[in-house]
């Protein structure tokens, strides 16, 4: 729900789909970021003109999650167990749905997603436990 024609942090929904485990619903995502990765090259012509190239080279990003159950830990434990049991670990997808200020929705799908458990939390008295999950993706496609 945008406010005064501006997007705010609550205007996004994220759906993670793992081909083995199905829909993965991390319980309380409090932050999400993504950025396009590029490969840059400069072509120096004999005419003295520099011509830059910026080539798409995937995406990466991260989730911040407040730990309220074992879902994130269980998800990564299952991936690790599959790896050590000689099973194929397949990539996932992330679908990002954004509610626009005009009431419409925009939807993007990250494909070829590999997730990494960057932080299993710091446990301190009377503090919430924050988890960090990052990802790399091959592409980001417009769906809606």
Protein backbone atom coordinates (compact mmCIF):
# COMPACT_ATOMS: atom_id res chain seq x y z
CA UNK A 1 0.00 0.00 0.00
CA UNK A 2 1.85 3.07 -1.23
CA UNK A 3 1.51 6.25 0.80
CA UNK A 4 1.14 9.65 -0.85
CA UNK A 5 2.27 8.15 -4.20
CA UNK A 6 5.48 6.70 -2.74
CA UNK A 7 6.41 3.06 -2.27
CA UNK A 8 7.20 2.04 1.28
CA UNK A 9 8.75 -1.15 2.61
CA UNK A 10 5.39 -2.91 2.95
CA UNK A 11 4.60 -2.69 -0.79
CA UNK A 12 6.43 -5.90 -1.66
CA UNK A 13 5.70 -9.62 -1.44
CA UNK A 14 8.38 -12.26 -2.00
CA UNK A 15 7.70 -15.86 -2.99
CA UNK A 16 10.60 -18.30 -2.98
CA UNK A 17 10.10 -21.59 -4.81
CA UNK A 18 12.57 -24.42 -4.44
CA UNK A 19 12.08 -27.28 -6.95
CA UNK A 20 12.52 -29.91 -4.21
CA UNK A 21 11.00 -28.28 -1.13
CA UNK A 22 8.28 -26.28 -2.92
CA UNK A 23 7.21 -22.85 -1.69
CA UNK A 24 9.57 -21.62 1.01
CA UNK A 25 7.89 -19.14 3.35
CA UNK A 26 10.48 -17.47 5.52
CA UNK A 27 8.27 -16.35 8.38
CA UNK A 28 9.17 -12.74 9.13
CA UNK A 29 11.23 -11.04 6.43
CA UNK A 30 12.06 -7.52 7.63
CA UNK A 31 14.34 -6.44 4.81
CA UNK A 32 15.05 -7.24 1.18
CA UNK A 33 17.57 -5.83 -1.25
CA UNK A 34 18.60 -6.73 -4.78
CA UNK A 35 20.99 -5.30 -7.31
CA UNK A 36 21.97 -6.00 -10.88
CA UNK A 37 25.49 -7.24 -11.46
CA UNK A 38 27.34 -6.12 -14.56
CA UNK A 39 30.55 -6.75 -16.41
CA UNK A 40 32.17 -3.58 -17.65
CA UNK A 41 34.55 -3.27 -20.53
CA UNK A 42 36.07 -0.32 -22.33
CA UNK A 43 36.85 -0.54 -26.02
CA UNK A 44 39.68 1.81 -26.99
CA UNK A 45 39.36 2.43 -30.70
CA UNK A 46 42.29 3.38 -32.88
CA UNK A 47 40.31 6.56 -33.59
CA UNK A 48 40.93 7.62 -29.95
CA UNK A 49 37.32 7.14 -28.88
CA UNK A 50 36.59 5.08 -25.76
CA UNK A 51 33.42 3.05 -26.13
CA UNK A 52 32.12 1.58 -22.86
CA UNK A 53 30.23 -1.70 -22.63
CA UNK A 54 28.09 -2.64 -19.67
CA UNK A 55 26.89 -6.23 -19.91
CA UNK A 56 24.30 -7.86 -17.61
CA UNK A 57 25.93 -10.44 -15.34
CA UNK A 58 23.19 -11.68 -13.03
CA UNK A 59 21.72 -10.36 -9.79
CA UNK A 60 22.41 -10.64 -6.11
CA UNK A 61 20.67 -9.58 -2.95
CA UNK A 62 19.78 -10.43 0.60
CA UNK A 63 16.99 -10.96 3.10
CA UNK A 64 16.89 -9.89 6.73
CA UNK A 65 14.72 -12.21 8.79
CA UNK A 66 13.62 -12.12 12.43
CA UNK A 67 13.85 -15.68 13.74
CA UNK A 68 10.48 -16.86 15.00
CA UNK A 69 10.73 -20.56 14.11
CA UNK A 70 13.17 -23.11 12.70
CA UNK A 71 12.09 -22.78 9.04
CA UNK A 72 15.23 -21.01 7.76
CA UNK A 73 17.55 -23.34 9.70
CA UNK A 74 15.61 -26.40 8.48
CA UNK A 75 15.69 -25.21 4.85
CA UNK A 76 19.47 -24.84 4.80
CA UNK A 77 19.98 -28.06 6.79
CA UNK A 78 17.99 -29.91 4.09
CA UNK A 79 20.09 -28.36 1.29
CA UNK A 80 23.32 -29.24 3.08
CA UNK A 81 22.12 -32.80 3.74
CA UNK A 82 21.17 -33.23 0.06
CA UNK A 83 24.63 -32.07 -1.00
CA UNK A 84 26.43 -34.46 1.34
CA UNK A 85 24.10 -37.31 0.33
CA UNK A 86 25.17 -36.88 -3.28
CA UNK A 87 21.83 -35.46 -4.43
CA UNK A 88 21.54 -32.71 -7.00
CA UNK A 89 20.93 -29.32 -5.40
CA UNK A 90 18.82 -27.36 -7.85
CA UNK A 91 18.36 -23.63 -8.17
CA UNK A 92 15.25 -21.86 -6.91
CA UNK A 93 13.22 -18.89 -8.10
CA UNK A 94 12.18 -15.73 -6.28
CA UNK A 95 9.09 -13.85 -7.41
CA UNK A 96 8.98 -10.21 -6.32
CA UNK A 97 5.55 -8.55 -6.43
CA UNK A 98 5.42 -4.79 -5.92
CA UNK A 99 2.21 -2.84 -5.35
CA UNK A 100 2.60 0.36 -7.35
CA UNK A 101 1.28 3.76 -6.24
CA UNK A 102 -1.37 3.71 -9.00
CA UNK A 103 -2.89 0.49 -7.62
CA UNK A 104 -1.34 -1.84 -10.20
CA UNK A 105 1.18 -4.57 -9.47
CA UNK A 106 4.60 -5.15 -11.01
CA UNK A 107 6.10 -8.59 -10.81
CA UNK A 108 9.66 -9.77 -11.45
CA UNK A 109 11.08 -13.29 -11.27
CA UNK A 110 14.68 -14.06 -10.36
CA UNK A 111 15.74 -17.35 -11.97
CA UNK A 112 18.67 -19.64 -11.35
CA UNK A 113 18.67 -18.59 -7.69
CA UNK A 114 21.14 -20.04 -5.22
CA UNK A 115 20.56 -19.09 -1.58
CA UNK A 116 23.25 -18.80 1.09
CA UNK A 117 22.80 -18.67 4.87
CA UNK A 118 25.06 -15.72 5.75
CA UNK A 119 24.06 -15.37 9.38
CA UNK A 120 22.32 -17.83 11.66
CA UNK A 121 21.86 -15.13 14.27
CA UNK A 122 23.42 -13.73 17.39
CA UNK A 123 21.78 -15.01 20.54
CA UNK A 124 21.76 -12.41 23.33
CA UNK A 125 19.50 -12.00 26.32
CA UNK A 126 16.33 -9.99 25.65
CA UNK A 127 17.18 -9.40 21.96
CA UNK A 128 15.48 -10.67 18.83
CA UNK A 129 17.61 -13.01 16.72
CA UNK A 130 18.24 -11.64 13.23
CA UNK A 131 19.09 -13.98 10.37
CA UNK A 132 20.69 -13.06 7.08
CA UNK A 133 20.18 -14.92 3.80
CA UNK A 134 21.79 -13.81 0.56
CA UNK A 135 21.23 -14.96 -3.00
CA UNK A 136 22.70 -14.86 -6.46
CA UNK A 137 20.52 -15.23 -9.54
CA UNK A 138 21.17 -15.65 -13.21
CA UNK A 139 18.40 -13.34 -14.44
CA UNK A 140 15.53 -11.09 -13.41
CA UNK A 141 12.56 -11.32 -15.75
CA UNK A 142 9.47 -9.11 -15.87
CA UNK A 143 6.36 -11.23 -15.32
CA UNK A 144 3.61 -8.58 -14.94
